[in-house]
Amino acid sequence: ENAFNREKELLSNVSNKRRYLVYFSTTGIFDPDRKKSRYIQHKLEMEEMINTLFNQWVIFRLPNIVGIGGNPMTMFNFFRNAILNNHELVLKAHTTRHILGVDELRFTISEAIHRKRFKNEIVNVCPPENYKVTEIVECMETFLGIKARKNILDEGSSYVVPNSQYLKLTQELGFNEFHDDYLHRLVKKYCTTS
């Protein structure tokens, strides 16, 4: 709750509301299993606050970002660490997630900001395909050569993220990374054992 209040205070205290504000939110707002969480409610409140207070802004709603290092509790790092340390993973069979590599994020978003491609818009940043969490873990198992300890529950949900603005941006930039093997390439690049 303190982090939420701190973010709200920071936005309220921005002295020049005419500057171009870039804010990162979450595509998790579309997930029916998380819609009522305090985190999702906070992100929606911040989006409304930005829309009300600032003259020029863009809100990028991000999916699960994958990179080397960082927070061990992000989905990708959590799965990898559980597999490597032989910890049980409790997975919901029907849960899906969009994942995006940090390099793809950096390239597309920095270009969008540099070009001021979006003004007073909310952009759902995610690749065209989402993956079952069980599929992500299976891909990691194959890459690492380690069988995970899994408890798979017949639960969870899948959701669609309207991402046409982002996909149009990637086409404008000539960015063509989202092939059929995108998940495998992310795992190969970021699922390190160290």
Protein backbone atom coordinates (compact mmCIF):
# COMPACT_ATOMS: atom_id res chain seq x y z
CA GLU A 1 0.00 0.00 0.00
CA ASN A 2 2.91 2.39 0.73
CA ALA A 3 4.28 1.91 -2.80
CA PHE A 4 0.84 2.67 -4.25
CA ASN A 5 0.55 5.86 -2.19
CA ARG A 6 4.08 6.90 -3.11
CA GLU A 7 3.36 6.53 -6.84
CA LYS A 8 0.12 8.48 -6.52
CA GLU A 9 1.94 11.25 -4.64
CA LEU A 10 4.73 11.39 -7.22
CA LEU A 11 2.23 11.86 -10.05
CA SER A 12 0.28 14.47 -8.10
CA ASN A 13 3.45 16.43 -7.41
CA VAL A 14 4.73 16.66 -10.99
CA SER A 15 5.08 20.42 -11.38
CA ASN A 16 4.80 20.69 -15.16
CA LYS A 17 1.63 18.92 -16.21
CA ARG A 18 2.18 20.07 -19.81
CA ARG A 19 5.19 17.81 -20.36
CA TYR A 20 4.81 14.53 -22.23
CA LEU A 21 4.30 11.86 -19.55
CA VAL A 22 5.09 8.20 -20.18
CA TYR A 23 3.54 5.74 -17.72
CA PHE A 24 3.83 1.96 -17.53
CA SER A 25 0.76 0.04 -16.48
CA THR A 26 -0.19 -3.62 -16.93
CA THR A 27 -2.12 -5.78 -19.38
CA GLY A 28 -3.13 -7.71 -16.26
CA ILE A 29 -6.24 -5.55 -16.17
CA PHE A 30 -7.72 -7.92 -18.75
CA ASP A 31 -7.15 -11.00 -16.58
CA PRO A 32 -10.48 -11.98 -14.97
CA ASP A 33 -8.62 -13.79 -12.16
CA ARG A 34 -6.76 -10.63 -11.13
CA LYS A 35 -9.29 -7.90 -11.95
CA LYS A 36 -10.19 -7.23 -8.31
CA SER A 37 -6.64 -7.27 -6.94
CA ARG A 38 -5.38 -4.13 -5.24
CA TYR A 39 -2.51 -3.88 -7.74
CA ILE A 40 -4.87 -3.84 -10.75
CA GLN A 41 -7.20 -1.36 -9.05
CA HIS A 42 -4.22 0.90 -8.30
CA LYS A 43 -3.04 0.81 -11.93
CA LEU A 44 -6.51 1.74 -13.18
CA GLU A 45 -6.66 4.62 -10.67
CA MET A 46 -3.27 5.91 -11.89
CA GLU A 47 -4.39 5.70 -15.52
CA GLU A 48 -7.48 7.79 -14.71
CA MET A 49 -5.41 10.27 -12.73
CA ILE A 50 -2.99 10.73 -15.65
CA ASN A 51 -5.86 11.22 -18.08
CA THR A 52 -7.32 13.90 -15.80
CA LEU A 53 -4.17 15.78 -14.75
CA PHE A 54 -1.82 15.75 -17.72
CA ASN A 55 -2.06 17.45 -21.11
CA GLN A 56 0.14 15.04 -23.08
CA TRP A 57 0.66 11.44 -22.08
CA VAL A 58 0.93 7.86 -23.20
CA ILE A 59 0.25 4.81 -21.06
CA PHE A 60 1.95 1.59 -22.08
CA ARG A 61 0.30 -1.46 -20.55
CA LEU A 62 2.95 -4.16 -20.32
CA PRO A 63 2.69 -7.95 -20.21
CA ASN A 64 5.17 -10.18 -18.37
CA ILE A 65 8.61 -8.88 -19.32
CA VAL A 66 11.44 -11.38 -19.68
CA GLY A 67 15.11 -10.49 -19.23
CA ILE A 68 18.29 -11.53 -17.48
CA GLY A 69 18.42 -10.88 -13.76
CA GLY A 70 15.92 -8.65 -12.08
CA ASN A 71 13.20 -9.58 -9.66
CA PRO A 72 13.29 -13.31 -8.77
CA MET A 73 9.52 -13.19 -8.24
CA THR A 74 8.61 -12.32 -11.84
CA MET A 75 6.84 -15.22 -13.48
CA PHE A 76 9.69 -16.25 -15.78
CA ASN A 77 12.40 -16.04 -13.10
CA PHE A 78 10.16 -17.77 -10.55
CA PHE A 79 9.52 -20.70 -12.90
CA ARG A 80 13.20 -21.00 -13.84
CA ASN A 81 14.38 -20.88 -10.21
CA ALA A 82 11.77 -23.45 -9.12
CA ILE A 83 12.90 -25.84 -11.86
CA LEU A 84 16.60 -25.37 -11.06
CA ASN A 85 16.05 -25.78 -7.30
CA ASN A 86 13.58 -28.69 -7.59
CA HIS A 87 10.78 -26.72 -5.91
CA GLU A 88 7.20 -27.69 -6.64
CA LEU A 89 5.35 -25.47 -9.09
CA VAL A 90 1.60 -25.18 -8.64
CA LEU A 91 0.24 -24.31 -12.08
CA LYS A 92 -3.28 -23.55 -13.25
CA ALA A 93 -3.84 -25.54 -16.43
CA HIS A 94 -5.98 -22.91 -18.18
CA THR A 95 -3.94 -19.82 -17.23
CA THR A 96 -2.26 -18.01 -20.10
CA ARG A 97 0.22 -15.17 -20.18
CA HIS A 98 1.63 -12.83 -22.78
CA ILE A 99 5.39 -12.53 -22.48
CA LEU A 100 7.73 -10.04 -24.11
CA GLY A 101 11.51 -9.89 -24.17
CA VAL A 102 13.10 -6.80 -22.65
CA ASP A 103 15.05 -6.14 -25.88
CA GLU A 104 11.85 -6.10 -27.94
CA LEU A 105 10.23 -3.84 -25.35
CA ARG A 106 13.18 -1.46 -25.29
CA PHE A 107 13.33 -1.14 -29.08
CA THR A 108 9.63 -0.67 -29.79
CA ILE A 109 8.83 1.63 -26.86
CA SER A 110 11.90 3.84 -27.27
CA GLU A 111 11.03 4.30 -30.94
CA ALA A 112 7.40 5.10 -30.09
CA ILE A 113 8.49 7.68 -27.50
CA HIS A 114 11.15 9.20 -29.77
CA ARG A 115 8.63 9.58 -32.60
CA LYS A 116 5.86 10.70 -30.21
CA ARG A 117 3.80 8.08 -32.00
CA PHE A 118 1.05 8.09 -29.37
CA LYS A 119 -0.57 11.08 -27.71
CA ASN A 120 -3.15 10.73 -24.97
CA GLU A 121 -3.54 7.04 -25.71
CA ILE A 122 -3.36 3.78 -23.84
CA VAL A 123 -1.34 1.18 -25.75
CA ASN A 124 -1.50 -2.50 -24.86
CA VAL A 125 2.04 -3.69 -25.51
CA CYS A 126 2.13 -7.40 -26.18
CA PRO A 127 2.92 -9.90 -28.89
CA PRO A 128 0.10 -11.51 -30.84
CA GLU A 129 0.27 -14.86 -29.03
CA ASN A 130 -0.23 -15.79 -25.41
CA TYR A 131 0.99 -19.03 -23.88
CA LYS A 132 -0.35 -21.42 -21.29
CA VAL A 133 1.84 -21.28 -18.20
CA THR A 134 2.20 -25.06 -18.50
CA GLU A 135 3.61 -24.55 -22.02
CA ILE A 136 6.12 -21.99 -20.73
CA VAL A 137 7.31 -24.40 -18.03
CA GLU A 138 7.54 -27.29 -20.51
CA CYS A 139 9.67 -25.17 -22.82
CA MET A 140 11.98 -24.32 -19.91
CA GLU A 141 12.17 -28.00 -18.90
CA THR A 142 13.26 -28.93 -22.41
CA PHE A 143 15.87 -26.18 -22.59
CA LEU A 144 17.29 -26.88 -19.12
CA GLY A 145 17.09 -30.66 -19.47
CA ILE A 146 15.40 -30.84 -16.06
CA LYS A 147 11.94 -32.16 -15.28
CA ALA A 148 10.01 -29.75 -13.03
CA ARG A 149 8.03 -30.87 -10.01
CA LYS A 150 4.54 -29.75 -11.04
CA ASN A 151 1.13 -29.82 -9.44
CA ILE A 152 -1.29 -28.88 -12.22
CA LEU A 153 -4.73 -27.71 -11.15
CA ASP A 154 -7.78 -27.73 -13.43
CA GLU A 155 -8.23 -23.97 -12.93
CA GLY A 156 -7.27 -20.62 -14.39
CA SER A 157 -8.35 -18.51 -17.27
CA SER A 158 -7.18 -17.16 -20.57
CA TYR A 159 -7.78 -13.62 -21.70
CA VAL A 160 -7.42 -11.54 -24.84
CA VAL A 161 -5.48 -8.30 -24.88
CA PRO A 162 -6.54 -5.88 -27.65
CA ASN A 163 -3.10 -5.12 -29.08
CA SER A 164 -3.74 -3.77 -32.58
CA GLN A 165 -2.02 -0.42 -31.87
CA TYR A 166 1.16 -2.16 -30.76
CA LEU A 167 1.16 -4.61 -33.66
CA LYS A 168 0.66 -1.71 -36.07
CA LEU A 169 3.66 0.04 -34.48
CA THR A 170 5.82 -3.07 -34.90
CA GLN A 171 4.83 -3.21 -38.58
CA GLU A 172 5.67 0.48 -39.06
CA LEU A 173 9.10 -0.15 -37.51
CA GLY A 174 9.70 -3.20 -39.70
CA PHE A 175 9.93 -5.24 -36.52
CA ASN A 176 9.25 -8.88 -37.28
CA GLU A 177 10.30 -10.88 -34.21
CA PHE A 178 7.03 -12.55 -33.29
CA HIS A 179 7.37 -15.83 -35.18
CA ASP A 180 6.02 -19.23 -34.20
CA ASP A 181 9.20 -19.96 -32.24
CA TYR A 182 9.14 -16.75 -30.16
CA LEU A 183 8.64 -18.56 -26.84
CA HIS A 184 11.53 -20.93 -27.59
CA ARG A 185 13.82 -18.04 -28.53
CA LEU A 186 12.95 -16.19 -25.29
CA VAL A 187 13.66 -19.28 -23.21
CA LYS A 188 16.94 -19.92 -25.02
CA LYS A 189 18.03 -16.30 -24.53
CA TYR A 190 16.90 -15.71 -20.95
CA CYS A 191 16.57 -19.07 -19.22
CA THR A 192 20.16 -19.19 -18.01
CA THR A 193 21.34 -21.51 -15.24
CA SER A 194 23.43 -18.88 -13.46
